[in-house]
Amino acid sequence: MSIFFPNKETEKSTQRRQLESLIDEMDNKDLTIMTATAKGIQEAKSGKRTKI
């Protein structure tokens, strides 16, 4: 077993799998909104401004 390349895949939470399922059904406009929203959440948490 390697520390850098573990044999086991990282398990995804049910919530993450549900979100990915919804994202799979979105078009490019929807994905633009989701990307901006995710970046806004990161900014709010870190207090730093990110480029879009």
PDB file of N, CA and C in Angstrom:
ATOM      1  N   MET A   1       0.851  -1.191   0.000  1.00  0.00           N
ATOM      2  CA  MET A   1       0.000   0.000   0.000  1.00  0.00           C
ATOM      3  C   MET A   1       0.884   1.238   0.000  1.00  0.00           C
ATOM      4  N   SER A   2       0.540   2.179  -0.840  1.00  0.00           N
ATOM      5  CA  SER A   2       1.303   3.413  -0.959  1.00  0.00           C
ATOM      6  C   SER A   2       0.536   4.565  -0.334  1.00  0.00           C
ATOM      7  N   ILE A   3       1.252   5.455   0.299  1.00  0.00           N
ATOM      8  CA  ILE A   3       0.621   6.640   0.878  1.00  0.00           C
ATOM      9  C   ILE A   3       0.127   7.563  -0.227  1.00  0.00           C
ATOM     10  N   PHE A   4       0.881   7.648  -1.310  1.00  0.00           N
ATOM     11  CA  PHE A   4       0.536   8.561  -2.390  1.00  0.00           C
ATOM     12  C   PHE A   4      -0.535   8.011  -3.318  1.00  0.00           C
ATOM     13  N   PHE A   5      -0.569   6.713  -3.494  1.00  0.00           N
ATOM     14  CA  PHE A   5      -1.533   6.087  -4.386  1.00  0.00           C
ATOM     15  C   PHE A   5      -2.234   4.940  -3.666  1.00  0.00           C
ATOM     16  N   PRO A   6      -3.200   5.267  -2.822  1.00  0.00           N
ATOM     17  CA  PRO A   6      -3.880   4.201  -2.086  1.00  0.00           C
ATOM     18  C   PRO A   6      -4.665   3.293  -3.039  1.00  0.00           C
ATOM     19  N   ASN A   7      -4.811   2.025  -2.656  1.00  0.00           N
ATOM     20  CA  ASN A   7      -5.520   1.051  -3.476  1.00  0.00           C
ATOM     21  C   ASN A   7      -7.020   1.297  -3.477  1.00  0.00           C
ATOM     22  N   LYS A   8      -7.516   1.868  -2.433  1.00  0.00           N
ATOM     23  CA  LYS A   8      -8.954   2.068  -2.277  1.00  0.00           C
ATOM     24  C   LYS A   8      -9.368   3.431  -2.825  1.00  0.00           C
ATOM     25  N   GLU A   9     -10.435   3.449  -3.634  1.00  0.00           N
ATOM     26  CA  GLU A   9     -10.973   4.722  -4.114  1.00  0.00           C
ATOM     27  C   GLU A   9     -11.624   5.461  -2.952  1.00  0.00           C
ATOM     28  N   THR A  10     -11.551   6.778  -2.995  1.00  0.00           N
ATOM     29  CA  THR A  10     -12.204   7.584  -1.978  1.00  0.00           C
ATOM     30  C   THR A  10     -13.710   7.431  -2.145  1.00  0.00           C
ATOM     31  N   GLU A  11     -14.373   7.096  -1.070  1.00  0.00           N
ATOM     32  CA  GLU A  11     -15.818   6.932  -1.133  1.00  0.00           C
ATOM     33  C   GLU A  11     -16.495   8.290  -1.123  1.00  0.00           C
ATOM     34  N   LYS A  12     -17.525   8.421  -1.936  1.00  0.00           N
ATOM     35  CA  LYS A  12     -18.267   9.671  -2.012  1.00  0.00           C
ATOM     36  C   LYS A  12     -19.496   9.569  -1.134  1.00  0.00           C
ATOM     37  N   SER A  13     -19.841  10.674  -0.499  1.00  0.00           N
ATOM     38  CA  SER A  13     -21.026  10.700   0.340  1.00  0.00           C
ATOM     39  C   SER A  13     -22.276  10.645  -0.535  1.00  0.00           C
ATOM     40  N   THR A  14     -23.370  10.252   0.057  1.00  0.00           N
ATOM     41  CA  THR A  14     -24.646  10.211  -0.651  1.00  0.00           C
ATOM     42  C   THR A  14     -24.988  11.589  -1.184  1.00  0.00           C
ATOM     43  N   GLN A  15     -24.754  12.608  -0.392  1.00  0.00           N
ATOM     44  CA  GLN A  15     -25.066  13.972  -0.806  1.00  0.00           C
ATOM     45  C   GLN A  15     -24.253  14.376  -2.028  1.00  0.00           C
ATOM     46  N   ARG A  16     -22.971  14.016  -2.058  1.00  0.00           N
ATOM     47  CA  ARG A  16     -22.124  14.346  -3.211  1.00  0.00           C
ATOM     48  C   ARG A  16     -22.598  13.597  -4.452  1.00  0.00           C
ATOM     49  N   ARG A  17     -22.960  12.328  -4.314  1.00  0.00           N
ATOM     50  CA  ARG A  17     -23.460  11.553  -5.460  1.00  0.00           C
ATOM     51  C   ARG A  17     -24.765  12.141  -5.989  1.00  0.00           C
ATOM     52  N   GLN A  18     -25.644  12.586  -5.085  1.00  0.00           N
ATOM     53  CA  GLN A  18     -26.905  13.199  -5.502  1.00  0.00           C
ATOM     54  C   GLN A  18     -26.648  14.501  -6.258  1.00  0.00           C
ATOM     55  N   LEU A  19     -25.713  15.303  -5.768  1.00  0.00           N
ATOM     56  CA  LEU A  19     -25.364  16.560  -6.434  1.00  0.00           C
ATOM     57  C   LEU A  19     -24.780  16.285  -7.814  1.00  0.00           C
ATOM     58  N   GLU A  20     -23.879  15.315  -7.918  1.00  0.00           N
ATOM     59  CA  GLU A  20     -23.283  14.979  -9.207  1.00  0.00           C
ATOM     60  C   GLU A  20     -24.336  14.515 -10.202  1.00  0.00           C
ATOM     61  N   SER A  21     -25.336  13.793  -9.727  1.00  0.00           N
ATOM     62  CA  SER A  21     -26.426  13.341 -10.594  1.00  0.00           C
ATOM     63  C   SER A  21     -27.198  14.532 -11.150  1.00  0.00           C
ATOM     64  N   LEU A  22     -27.459  15.525 -10.317  1.00  0.00           N
ATOM     65  CA  LEU A  22     -28.158  16.731 -10.770  1.00  0.00           C
ATOM     66  C   LEU A  22     -27.297  17.522 -11.758  1.00  0.00           C
ATOM     67  N   ILE A  23     -26.020  17.625 -11.469  1.00  0.00           N
ATOM     68  CA  ILE A  23     -25.107  18.369 -12.334  1.00  0.00           C
ATOM     69  C   ILE A  23     -25.023  17.716 -13.713  1.00  0.00           C
ATOM     70  N   ASP A  24     -25.061  16.393 -13.755  1.00  0.00           N
ATOM     71  CA  ASP A  24     -24.996  15.675 -15.034  1.00  0.00           C
ATOM     72  C   ASP A  24     -26.129  16.068 -15.977  1.00  0.00           C
ATOM     73  N   GLU A  25     -27.238  16.534 -15.427  1.00  0.00           N
ATOM     74  CA  GLU A  25     -28.402  16.893 -16.243  1.00  0.00           C
ATOM     75  C   GLU A  25     -28.409  18.375 -16.649  1.00  0.00           C
ATOM     76  N   MET A  26     -27.417  19.145 -16.214  1.00  0.00           N
ATOM     77  CA  MET A  26     -27.402  20.584 -16.468  1.00  0.00           C
ATOM     78  C   MET A  26     -26.735  20.929 -17.789  1.00  0.00           C
ATOM     79  N   ASP A  27     -27.163  22.060 -18.380  1.00  0.00           N
ATOM     80  CA  ASP A  27     -26.515  22.550 -19.593  1.00  0.00           C
ATOM     81  C   ASP A  27     -25.411  23.537 -19.203  1.00  0.00           C
ATOM     82  N   ASN A  28     -24.733  24.097 -20.200  1.00  0.00           N
ATOM     83  CA  ASN A  28     -23.599  24.987 -19.926  1.00  0.00           C
ATOM     84  C   ASN A  28     -23.992  26.231 -19.142  1.00  0.00           C
ATOM     85  N   LYS A  29     -25.169  26.782 -19.402  1.00  0.00           N
ATOM     86  CA  LYS A  29     -25.612  27.962 -18.642  1.00  0.00           C
ATOM     87  C   LYS A  29     -25.784  27.613 -17.167  1.00  0.00           C
ATOM     88  N   ASP A  30     -26.403  26.458 -16.913  1.00  0.00           N
ATOM     89  CA  ASP A  30     -26.583  26.010 -15.527  1.00  0.00           C
ATOM     90  C   ASP A  30     -25.238  25.794 -14.845  1.00  0.00           C
ATOM     91  N   LEU A  31     -24.285  25.208 -15.579  1.00  0.00           N
ATOM     92  CA  LEU A  31     -22.963  24.949 -15.009  1.00  0.00           C
ATOM     93  C   LEU A  31     -22.214  26.240 -14.715  1.00  0.00           C
ATOM     94  N   THR A  32     -22.431  27.272 -15.519  1.00  0.00           N
ATOM     95  CA  THR A  32     -21.824  28.579 -15.259  1.00  0.00           C
ATOM     96  C   THR A  32     -22.335  29.127 -13.925  1.00  0.00           C
ATOM     97  N   ILE A  33     -23.620  28.995 -13.698  1.00  0.00           N
ATOM     98  CA  ILE A  33     -24.221  29.454 -12.437  1.00  0.00           C
ATOM     99  C   ILE A  33     -23.672  28.646 -11.259  1.00  0.00           C
ATOM    100  N   MET A  34     -23.586  27.337 -11.428  1.00  0.00           N
ATOM    101  CA  MET A  34     -23.086  26.470 -10.353  1.00  0.00           C
ATOM    102  C   MET A  34     -21.628  26.786 -10.027  1.00  0.00           C
ATOM    103  N   THR A  35     -20.819  27.035 -11.058  1.00  0.00           N
ATOM    104  CA  THR A  35     -19.412  27.367 -10.838  1.00  0.00           C
ATOM    105  C   THR A  35     -19.277  28.672 -10.064  1.00  0.00           C
ATOM    106  N   ALA A  36     -20.025  29.684 -10.473  1.00  0.00           N
ATOM    107  CA  ALA A  36     -19.978  30.979  -9.784  1.00  0.00           C
ATOM    108  C   ALA A  36     -20.465  30.847  -8.340  1.00  0.00           C
ATOM    109  N   THR A  37     -21.487  30.035  -8.141  1.00  0.00           N
ATOM    110  CA  THR A  37     -22.005  29.817  -6.787  1.00  0.00           C
ATOM    111  C   THR A  37     -20.963  29.137  -5.907  1.00  0.00           C
ATOM    112  N   ALA A  38     -20.319  28.100  -6.431  1.00  0.00           N
ATOM    113  CA  ALA A  38     -19.290  27.388  -5.665  1.00  0.00           C
ATOM    114  C   ALA A  38     -18.128  28.305  -5.322  1.00  0.00           C
ATOM    115  N   LYS A  39     -17.722  29.137  -6.285  1.00  0.00           N
ATOM    116  CA  LYS A  39     -16.630  30.085  -6.020  1.00  0.00           C
ATOM    117  C   LYS A  39     -17.046  31.116  -4.981  1.00  0.00           C
ATOM    118  N   GLY A  40     -18.308  31.546  -5.015  1.00  0.00           N
ATOM    119  CA  GLY A  40     -18.816  32.479  -4.013  1.00  0.00           C
ATOM    120  C   GLY A  40     -18.795  31.878  -2.620  1.00  0.00           C
ATOM    121  N   ILE A  41     -19.136  30.601  -2.512  1.00  0.00           N
ATOM    122  CA  ILE A  41     -19.093  29.912  -1.217  1.00  0.00           C
ATOM    123  C   ILE A  41     -17.656  29.856  -0.708  1.00  0.00           C
ATOM    124  N   GLN A  42     -16.719  29.521  -1.597  1.00  0.00           N
ATOM    125  CA  GLN A  42     -15.307  29.471  -1.205  1.00  0.00           C
ATOM    126  C   GLN A  42     -14.817  30.839  -0.730  1.00  0.00           C
ATOM    127  N   GLU A  43     -15.201  31.893  -1.447  1.00  0.00           N
ATOM    128  CA  GLU A  43     -14.808  33.253  -1.047  1.00  0.00           C
ATOM    129  C   GLU A  43     -15.355  33.599   0.325  1.00  0.00           C
ATOM    130  N   ALA A  44     -16.618  33.281   0.548  1.00  0.00           N
ATOM    131  CA  ALA A  44     -17.246  33.601   1.830  1.00  0.00           C
ATOM    132  C   ALA A  44     -16.556  32.871   2.981  1.00  0.00           C
ATOM    133  N   LYS A  45     -16.137  31.634   2.730  1.00  0.00           N
ATOM    134  CA  LYS A  45     -15.473  30.854   3.769  1.00  0.00           C
ATOM    135  C   LYS A  45     -14.050  31.347   4.044  1.00  0.00           C
ATOM    136  N   SER A  46     -13.329  31.720   2.968  1.00  0.00           N
ATOM    137  CA  SER A  46     -11.929  32.077   3.129  1.00  0.00           C
ATOM    138  C   SER A  46     -11.710  33.569   3.345  1.00  0.00           C
ATOM    139  N   GLY A  47     -12.682  34.370   2.935  1.00  0.00           N
ATOM    140  CA  GLY A  47     -12.522  35.804   3.034  1.00  0.00           C
ATOM    141  C   GLY A  47     -11.666  36.375   1.925  1.00  0.00           C
ATOM    142  N   LYS A  48     -11.287  35.518   0.950  1.00  0.00           N
ATOM    143  CA  LYS A  48     -10.463  35.949  -0.182  1.00  0.00           C
ATOM    144  C   LYS A  48     -11.293  35.978  -1.438  1.00  0.00           C
ATOM    145  N   ARG A  49     -10.971  36.896  -2.329  1.00  0.00           N
ATOM    146  CA  ARG A  49     -11.646  37.019  -3.618  1.00  0.00           C
ATOM    147  C   ARG A  49     -10.947  36.130  -4.633  1.00  0.00           C
ATOM    148  N   THR A  50     -11.706  35.336  -5.400  1.00  0.00           N
ATOM    149  CA  THR A  50     -11.135  34.496  -6.441  1.00  0.00           C
ATOM    150  C   THR A  50     -11.527  35.010  -7.810  1.00  0.00           C
ATOM    151  N   LYS A  51     -10.708  34.707  -8.820  1.00  0.00           N
ATOM    152  CA  LYS A  51     -11.041  35.107 -10.185  1.00  0.00           C
ATOM    153  C   LYS A  51     -11.996  34.106 -10.790  1.00  0.00           C
ATOM    154  N   ILE A  52     -12.913  34.597 -11.613  1.00  0.00           N
ATOM    155  CA  ILE A  52     -13.858  33.707 -12.308  1.00  0.00           C
ATOM    156  C   ILE A  52     -13.426  33.568 -13.737  1.00  0.00           C
TER     157      ILE A  52
END
